[in-house]
Amino acid sequence: MAFQNKEVSTDELLQAQAHVWNHMLAFVNSMSLKCAIQLGIPDAIHKHGEPITLSRLVESVNADVGKSQCIRRLMLVLVQSKFFTEDTTQEEVRYCLTPSSRLLLKEAPLTVAPLALLTLDPVLTESWHHMSEWLTSGSQLTQFEAVQGSMFWEHVAHGPGMGTLFDEAMRSDSRLVANVLVRDYKHVFEGIKSLVDVGGGTGTMAKAIVDAVPGIKCIVLDLPRVVAGLEGTNKLSYVGGDMFEAIPPADAVLLKWIMHDWDNENCLKILKRCKDIVKSNGSTGAKVIIIDAVLDVTREDDKVVNDQLYFDMTMMAYFNGIERSEKEWAKLFSDAGFTSYKITHAFGVRSLLEVYP
């Protein structure tokens, strides 16, 4: 039997226990993060303009005064998780923002708060409780569909409030990615006069691109319910449709966080359609631009590797999708008829893939 006859030292035994407990209780970090966003703790500290005391924080977030010590305990977890720091130079401890908590400010231009709230929504987290059942069931449904009784996209379209939350989450992510893209990788758009952003939502990425790149025009393709009523400009237009049926012609196609939602068969359909579109346009800038993860478990940054693996499991649970290694991407590109590709690790967890017909 394991750990009998002094197979391990006492220190190794207790380290193993701590490792199990750390992962067993990891949900406390997630729920504490969600609570901080919902209470508006980062916003309260930011609005205060300087490190804030516990009593002032409790007042600012309208918490029950009788639960002040509960807020203190919440802040201990969030400080340990490096979302806040403590200023102990004063008689009373004061709390300060960190770069991570600044990304949680609800009105900040690059906020990621909507994506965090979407990820931790009970509708989405519920399916994780049934993973073992799903893995042993033989069901051809996704994990999400087996639990909720409808596909993820159906739930987004018809679930109360879910569509709004999903759209807000995608817009917030696109703002951050677009900020990095147009600041550090604007050269990607050299030679491109027209670009179609497939699954581009309400045009957050496209607007940033047309504002930053002279002479380029963008078309946003998304489902009719997403683009209904949106007004374009002379540089930006919207088309309601289905990427599996038709993609508007352009010099280049942008696929941000699209491919990981789909299995290889559907990804091939998308890529072949994109290749035909950009190749037929005959532009010198013809290519498909993909922003997605390139899975690499040998990377030295543990946070990046962990995030990639967590997203891979998420794609499995919700969409029957997958995060892909470079080898898997290369096979998809070859099978779709592309001649070459270039990968730039540009966005932390995700990379910039330029694929040429």
Protein backbone atom coordinates (compact mmCIF):
# COMPACT_ATOMS: atom_id res chain seq x y z
CA MET A 1 0.00 0.00 0.00
CA ALA A 2 1.24 3.50 -0.83
CA PHE A 3 3.32 5.40 1.73
CA GLN A 4 3.83 2.38 3.96
CA ASN A 5 7.20 1.24 5.30
CA LYS A 6 8.61 4.75 5.08
CA GLU A 7 8.48 4.81 1.27
CA VAL A 8 8.62 8.60 1.49
CA SER A 9 9.89 11.01 4.08
CA THR A 10 7.55 12.92 6.35
CA ASP A 11 8.36 16.09 4.40
CA GLU A 12 7.47 14.43 1.08
CA LEU A 13 4.24 13.11 2.57
CA LEU A 14 3.16 16.52 3.81
CA GLN A 15 4.23 18.20 0.56
CA ALA A 16 2.08 15.72 -1.35
CA GLN A 17 -0.86 16.48 0.92
CA ALA A 18 -0.36 20.24 0.44
CA HIS A 19 -0.24 19.75 -3.33
CA VAL A 20 -3.55 17.87 -3.30
CA TRP A 21 -5.17 20.40 -0.99
CA ASN A 22 -3.93 23.32 -3.08
CA HIS A 23 -5.69 21.95 -6.15
CA MET A 24 -8.68 20.72 -4.18
CA LEU A 25 -9.29 24.24 -2.90
CA ALA A 26 -8.27 26.13 -6.04
CA PHE A 27 -11.92 26.99 -6.65
CA VAL A 28 -11.68 29.34 -3.64
CA ASN A 29 -9.32 31.52 -5.67
CA SER A 30 -11.74 31.57 -8.60
CA MET A 31 -14.76 32.37 -6.45
CA SER A 32 -12.86 35.04 -4.52
CA LEU A 33 -11.89 36.64 -7.82
CA LYS A 34 -15.51 36.58 -8.97
CA CYS A 35 -16.66 38.09 -5.68
CA ALA A 36 -14.10 40.89 -5.94
CA ILE A 37 -15.39 41.82 -9.41
CA GLN A 38 -19.04 41.65 -8.36
CA LEU A 39 -18.45 43.76 -5.25
CA GLY A 40 -16.39 46.21 -7.29
CA ILE A 41 -13.34 46.00 -5.00
CA PRO A 42 -10.81 47.01 -7.70
CA ASP A 43 -13.05 49.92 -8.71
CA ALA A 44 -13.44 51.07 -5.10
CA ILE A 45 -9.67 51.17 -4.58
CA HIS A 46 -9.13 52.89 -7.92
CA LYS A 47 -11.82 55.50 -7.19
CA HIS A 48 -10.34 56.12 -3.74
CA GLY A 49 -7.16 57.26 -5.47
CA GLU A 50 -4.78 55.91 -2.84
CA PRO A 51 -4.32 52.78 -0.71
CA ILE A 52 -7.59 52.08 1.07
CA THR A 53 -8.26 50.92 4.62
CA LEU A 54 -10.50 47.94 5.37
CA SER A 55 -13.21 50.08 6.95
CA ARG A 56 -13.28 52.44 3.99
CA LEU A 57 -13.32 49.50 1.56
CA VAL A 58 -16.26 47.88 3.37
CA GLU A 59 -18.15 51.15 3.14
CA SER A 60 -17.24 51.70 -0.53
CA VAL A 61 -18.53 48.30 -1.71
CA ASN A 62 -21.69 48.51 0.44
CA ALA A 63 -20.77 45.37 2.37
CA ASP A 64 -22.49 44.63 5.64
CA VAL A 65 -20.44 46.23 8.43
CA GLY A 66 -20.92 43.11 10.52
CA LYS A 67 -19.02 41.19 7.84
CA SER A 68 -15.95 43.45 7.89
CA GLN A 69 -13.74 40.62 9.09
CA CYS A 70 -15.09 38.43 6.28
CA ILE A 71 -13.97 41.10 3.79
CA ARG A 72 -10.57 41.12 5.53
CA ARG A 73 -10.30 37.35 5.06
CA LEU A 74 -11.35 37.69 1.41
CA MET A 75 -8.63 40.29 0.91
CA LEU A 76 -6.04 37.98 2.50
CA VAL A 77 -6.77 35.41 -0.22
CA LEU A 78 -6.70 38.04 -2.97
CA VAL A 79 -3.42 39.48 -1.69
CA GLN A 80 -1.92 35.99 -1.57
CA SER A 81 -3.11 35.53 -5.18
CA LYS A 82 -1.35 38.81 -6.09
CA PHE A 83 -4.48 40.66 -7.15
CA PHE A 84 -3.81 43.26 -4.47
CA THR A 85 -0.92 44.27 -2.23
CA GLU A 86 -0.91 45.44 1.35
CA ASP A 87 0.62 48.73 2.48
CA THR A 88 1.70 48.05 6.06
CA THR A 89 3.60 51.32 6.60
CA GLN A 90 0.57 52.89 8.28
CA GLU A 91 -1.06 51.98 11.58
CA GLU A 92 -3.94 50.32 9.70
CA VAL A 93 -3.32 48.02 6.73
CA ARG A 94 -4.23 49.57 3.40
CA TYR A 95 -4.89 47.76 0.12
CA CYS A 96 -3.41 48.68 -3.26
CA LEU A 97 -4.08 47.66 -6.86
CA THR A 98 -1.72 45.51 -8.92
CA PRO A 99 -1.49 45.25 -12.74
CA SER A 100 -3.80 42.20 -12.56
CA SER A 101 -6.53 43.96 -10.57
CA ARG A 102 -6.30 46.97 -12.89
CA LEU A 103 -7.47 44.59 -15.63
CA LEU A 104 -10.57 43.95 -13.49
CA LEU A 105 -11.71 47.59 -13.40
CA LYS A 106 -15.16 47.48 -14.96
CA GLU A 107 -14.81 50.69 -16.98
CA ALA A 108 -11.15 50.31 -17.88
CA PRO A 109 -10.48 50.28 -21.65
CA LEU A 110 -8.74 46.89 -21.44
CA THR A 111 -10.89 45.29 -18.74
CA VAL A 112 -11.13 41.50 -18.67
CA ALA A 113 -13.84 41.48 -16.01
CA PRO A 114 -16.64 40.36 -18.41
CA LEU A 115 -14.61 37.32 -19.53
CA ALA A 116 -13.92 36.37 -15.92
CA LEU A 117 -17.62 36.64 -15.02
CA LEU A 118 -18.61 34.61 -18.07
CA THR A 119 -16.10 31.86 -17.31
CA LEU A 120 -17.31 31.61 -13.70
CA ASP A 121 -21.02 31.79 -14.49
CA PRO A 122 -22.91 28.90 -12.78
CA VAL A 123 -24.33 27.73 -16.13
CA LEU A 124 -20.80 27.14 -17.38
CA THR A 125 -19.25 25.80 -14.20
CA GLU A 126 -22.08 23.29 -13.62
CA SER A 127 -20.97 21.00 -16.43
CA TRP A 128 -17.55 20.51 -14.81
CA HIS A 129 -19.20 18.64 -11.93
CA HIS A 130 -20.27 15.95 -14.42
CA MET A 131 -16.99 15.40 -16.29
CA SER A 132 -16.43 11.85 -15.04
CA GLU A 133 -20.00 10.87 -15.94
CA TRP A 134 -19.57 12.33 -19.42
CA LEU A 135 -16.21 10.63 -20.00
CA THR A 136 -17.67 7.21 -19.18
CA SER A 137 -21.09 7.65 -20.79
CA GLY A 138 -20.36 7.00 -24.47
CA SER A 139 -22.44 10.11 -25.25
CA GLN A 140 -21.68 11.94 -28.50
CA LEU A 141 -22.94 15.19 -26.98
CA THR A 142 -20.51 17.77 -25.63
CA GLN A 143 -20.13 17.86 -21.88
CA PHE A 144 -22.04 21.15 -21.77
CA GLU A 145 -24.88 19.84 -23.93
CA ALA A 146 -25.20 16.64 -21.89
CA VAL A 147 -25.75 18.67 -18.73
CA GLN A 148 -27.69 21.70 -20.02
CA GLY A 149 -29.76 19.98 -22.70
CA SER A 150 -28.72 22.42 -25.42
CA MET A 151 -25.55 23.28 -27.32
CA PHE A 152 -23.41 26.14 -26.02
CA TRP A 153 -24.27 28.41 -28.95
CA GLU A 154 -27.99 27.74 -28.51
CA HIS A 155 -27.69 28.70 -24.87
CA VAL A 156 -25.83 31.90 -25.78
CA ALA A 157 -28.53 32.78 -28.28
CA HIS A 158 -31.52 32.02 -26.08
CA GLY A 159 -30.37 31.79 -22.44
CA PRO A 160 -31.47 34.73 -20.27
CA GLY A 161 -28.65 37.26 -20.18
CA MET A 162 -26.05 34.79 -21.44
CA GLY A 163 -25.84 36.31 -24.93
CA THR A 164 -25.19 39.78 -23.52
CA LEU A 165 -22.54 38.48 -21.12
CA PHE A 166 -20.85 36.47 -23.88
CA ASP A 167 -20.79 39.46 -26.26
CA GLU A 168 -19.34 41.70 -23.53
CA ALA A 169 -16.68 39.09 -22.76
CA MET A 170 -15.65 38.80 -26.42
CA ARG A 171 -15.55 42.59 -26.82
CA SER A 172 -13.35 42.97 -23.75
CA ASP A 173 -10.93 40.33 -25.01
CA SER A 174 -10.83 41.87 -28.47
CA ARG A 175 -9.99 45.29 -27.06
CA LEU A 176 -6.93 43.91 -25.27
CA VAL A 177 -5.74 41.84 -28.24
CA ALA A 178 -6.35 44.70 -30.67
CA ASN A 179 -4.33 47.03 -28.45
CA VAL A 180 -1.30 44.73 -28.68
CA LEU A 181 -1.87 43.93 -32.36
CA VAL A 182 -1.98 47.49 -33.67
CA ARG A 183 0.73 48.71 -31.29
CA ASP A 184 3.35 46.01 -31.88
CA TYR A 185 2.33 44.04 -34.98
CA LYS A 186 0.82 46.56 -37.38
CA HIS A 187 3.25 45.36 -40.07
CA VAL A 188 1.07 42.23 -40.38
CA PHE A 189 -1.35 44.32 -42.45
CA GLU A 190 1.20 45.57 -45.00
CA GLY A 191 -0.09 45.10 -48.55
CA ILE A 192 -3.65 44.37 -47.37
CA LYS A 193 -6.36 46.67 -48.72
CA SER A 194 -9.35 44.66 -47.54
CA LEU A 195 -9.81 42.37 -44.55
CA VAL A 196 -12.78 40.29 -43.41
CA ASP A 197 -12.98 39.62 -39.67
CA VAL A 198 -14.81 36.29 -39.39
CA GLY A 199 -16.84 36.03 -36.20
CA GLY A 200 -15.88 39.63 -35.49
CA GLY A 201 -18.85 40.39 -33.26
CA THR A 202 -19.76 44.06 -33.11
CA GLY A 203 -16.48 45.08 -34.76
CA THR A 204 -14.16 45.82 -31.84
CA MET A 205 -11.10 44.37 -33.60
CA ALA A 206 -12.05 45.74 -37.00
CA LYS A 207 -12.54 49.28 -35.66
CA ALA A 208 -9.11 49.22 -34.03
CA ILE A 209 -7.52 47.99 -37.28
CA VAL A 210 -9.12 50.57 -39.59
CA ASP A 211 -8.24 53.35 -37.14
CA ALA A 212 -4.59 52.25 -36.97
CA VAL A 213 -3.88 51.11 -40.53
CA PRO A 214 -4.24 53.69 -43.33
CA GLY A 215 -5.93 52.54 -46.52
CA ILE A 216 -7.43 49.32 -45.18
CA LYS A 217 -11.14 48.46 -45.22
CA CYS A 218 -12.71 45.85 -42.98
CA ILE A 219 -15.79 43.67 -43.26
CA VAL A 220 -17.15 42.08 -40.10
CA LEU A 221 -18.90 38.76 -40.66
CA ASP A 222 -21.01 37.40 -37.83
CA LEU A 223 -24.41 35.88 -37.20
CA PRO A 224 -27.36 38.08 -38.18
CA ARG A 225 -28.48 38.46 -34.53
CA VAL A 226 -25.03 39.85 -33.63
CA VAL A 227 -24.71 42.48 -36.37
CA ALA A 228 -28.38 43.44 -36.68
CA GLY A 229 -28.76 47.22 -36.55
CA LEU A 230 -25.03 47.99 -36.56
CA GLU A 231 -24.07 50.92 -38.78
CA GLY A 232 -20.91 50.81 -40.82
CA THR A 233 -18.68 53.53 -42.26
CA ASN A 234 -16.81 53.94 -45.53
CA LYS A 235 -14.00 51.82 -44.01
CA LEU A 236 -16.04 49.36 -41.96
CA SER A 237 -19.07 47.28 -42.95
CA TYR A 238 -21.10 44.46 -41.42
CA VAL A 239 -22.41 41.28 -43.04
CA GLY A 240 -24.78 38.87 -41.34
CA GLY A 241 -24.11 35.29 -42.32
CA ASP A 242 -22.57 31.92 -41.59
CA MET A 243 -18.83 31.33 -42.16
CA PHE A 244 -19.57 27.73 -43.17
CA GLU A 245 -21.77 28.96 -46.02
CA ALA A 246 -20.05 32.07 -47.36
CA ILE A 247 -17.25 34.51 -46.50
CA PRO A 248 -17.10 37.92 -48.24
CA PRO A 249 -14.14 38.33 -50.64
CA ALA A 250 -11.09 40.18 -49.29
CA ASP A 251 -7.31 40.28 -49.51
CA ALA A 252 -7.02 38.66 -46.08
CA VAL A 253 -9.15 36.90 -43.50
CA LEU A 254 -8.85 37.33 -39.74
CA LEU A 255 -9.86 34.47 -37.43
CA LYS A 256 -9.48 35.55 -33.81
CA TRP A 257 -10.30 32.87 -31.25
CA ILE A 258 -12.45 31.01 -33.80
CA MET A 259 -10.59 27.85 -34.71
CA HIS A 260 -10.25 26.40 -31.22
CA ASP A 261 -14.05 26.17 -31.01
CA TRP A 262 -14.16 23.53 -33.74
CA ASP A 263 -12.93 20.01 -34.47
CA ASN A 264 -10.53 19.32 -37.34
CA GLU A 265 -13.26 18.54 -39.85
CA ASN A 266 -14.98 21.88 -39.36
CA CYS A 267 -11.68 23.76 -39.18
CA LEU A 268 -10.73 22.33 -42.56
CA LYS A 269 -14.00 23.61 -44.03
CA ILE A 270 -13.30 27.08 -42.65
CA LEU A 271 -9.68 27.13 -43.81
CA LYS A 272 -10.46 25.90 -47.32
CA ARG A 273 -13.12 28.56 -47.72
CA CYS A 274 -10.69 31.22 -46.44
CA LYS A 275 -7.94 30.03 -48.81
CA ASP A 276 -10.24 30.20 -51.82
CA ILE A 277 -11.35 33.72 -50.83
CA VAL A 278 -7.89 35.27 -50.42
CA LYS A 279 -6.33 33.39 -53.35
CA SER A 280 -9.06 34.45 -55.77
CA ASN A 281 -8.61 38.09 -54.76
CA GLY A 282 -5.07 37.99 -56.19
CA SER A 283 -3.58 40.44 -53.68
CA THR A 284 0.13 40.45 -52.80
CA GLY A 285 -0.99 40.57 -49.16
CA ALA A 286 -3.16 37.48 -49.48
CA LYS A 287 -3.17 35.43 -46.28
CA VAL A 288 -5.22 34.17 -43.38
CA ILE A 289 -4.40 35.73 -40.01
CA ILE A 290 -5.20 33.49 -37.06
CA ILE A 291 -5.03 34.53 -33.40
CA ASP A 292 -5.20 31.40 -31.30
CA ALA A 293 -3.14 29.24 -28.96
CA VAL A 294 -0.23 27.14 -30.14
CA LEU A 295 -0.04 24.51 -27.44
CA ASP A 296 3.50 23.98 -26.15
CA VAL A 297 3.91 22.19 -22.83
CA THR A 298 7.70 22.70 -23.00
CA ARG A 299 7.43 26.49 -22.57
CA GLU A 300 9.11 27.80 -19.44
CA ASP A 301 6.24 30.07 -18.38
CA ASP A 302 4.05 27.88 -16.17
CA LYS A 303 1.16 30.36 -16.26
CA VAL A 304 1.03 30.26 -20.06
CA VAL A 305 1.19 26.46 -20.19
CA ASN A 306 -1.46 26.11 -17.48
CA ASP A 307 -3.77 28.58 -19.22
CA GLN A 308 -3.37 26.76 -22.53
CA LEU A 309 -4.19 23.42 -20.94
CA TYR A 310 -7.16 24.89 -19.05
CA PHE A 311 -8.50 26.42 -22.26
CA ASP A 312 -8.00 23.10 -24.04
CA MET A 313 -10.19 21.38 -21.44
CA THR A 314 -12.71 24.21 -21.73
CA MET A 315 -12.95 23.76 -25.49
CA MET A 316 -13.49 20.04 -24.96
CA ALA A 317 -16.25 20.65 -22.43
CA TYR A 318 -18.23 23.31 -24.28
CA PHE A 319 -17.65 22.89 -28.02
CA ASN A 320 -15.86 19.65 -28.85
CA GLY A 321 -13.05 22.03 -29.82
CA ILE A 322 -9.32 21.80 -29.15
CA GLU A 323 -6.17 23.86 -28.61
CA ARG A 324 -3.53 22.73 -31.10
CA SER A 325 0.22 22.23 -31.14
CA GLU A 326 2.31 23.59 -34.02
CA LYS A 327 2.40 20.10 -35.54
CA GLU A 328 -1.40 19.93 -35.47
CA TRP A 329 -1.73 23.40 -36.95
CA ALA A 330 0.75 22.53 -39.71
CA LYS A 331 -1.24 19.45 -40.69
CA LEU A 332 -4.46 21.47 -40.87
CA PHE A 333 -2.79 24.09 -43.07
CA SER A 334 -1.31 21.44 -45.36
CA ASP A 335 -4.59 19.52 -45.63
CA ALA A 336 -6.39 22.77 -46.50
CA GLY A 337 -3.94 23.44 -49.34
CA PHE A 338 -1.88 26.30 -47.90
CA THR A 339 1.76 26.55 -48.95
CA SER A 340 3.40 28.03 -45.84
CA TYR A 341 2.82 29.64 -42.46
CA LYS A 342 4.56 31.80 -39.87
CA ILE A 343 3.99 31.73 -36.09
CA THR A 344 4.75 34.65 -33.77
CA HIS A 345 4.20 34.24 -30.03
CA ALA A 346 2.53 37.61 -29.67
CA PHE A 347 -0.29 37.49 -27.14
CA GLY A 348 0.90 35.46 -24.17
CA VAL A 349 -1.32 32.40 -24.16
CA ARG A 350 -2.15 32.92 -27.82
CA SER A 351 -0.02 33.34 -30.92
CA LEU A 352 -0.24 35.13 -34.23
CA LEU A 353 -0.36 32.71 -37.17
CA GLU A 354 0.01 34.01 -40.71
CA VAL A 355 -0.99 31.38 -43.28
CA TYR A 356 -0.26 31.81 -46.99
CA PRO A 357 -2.19 30.25 -49.94
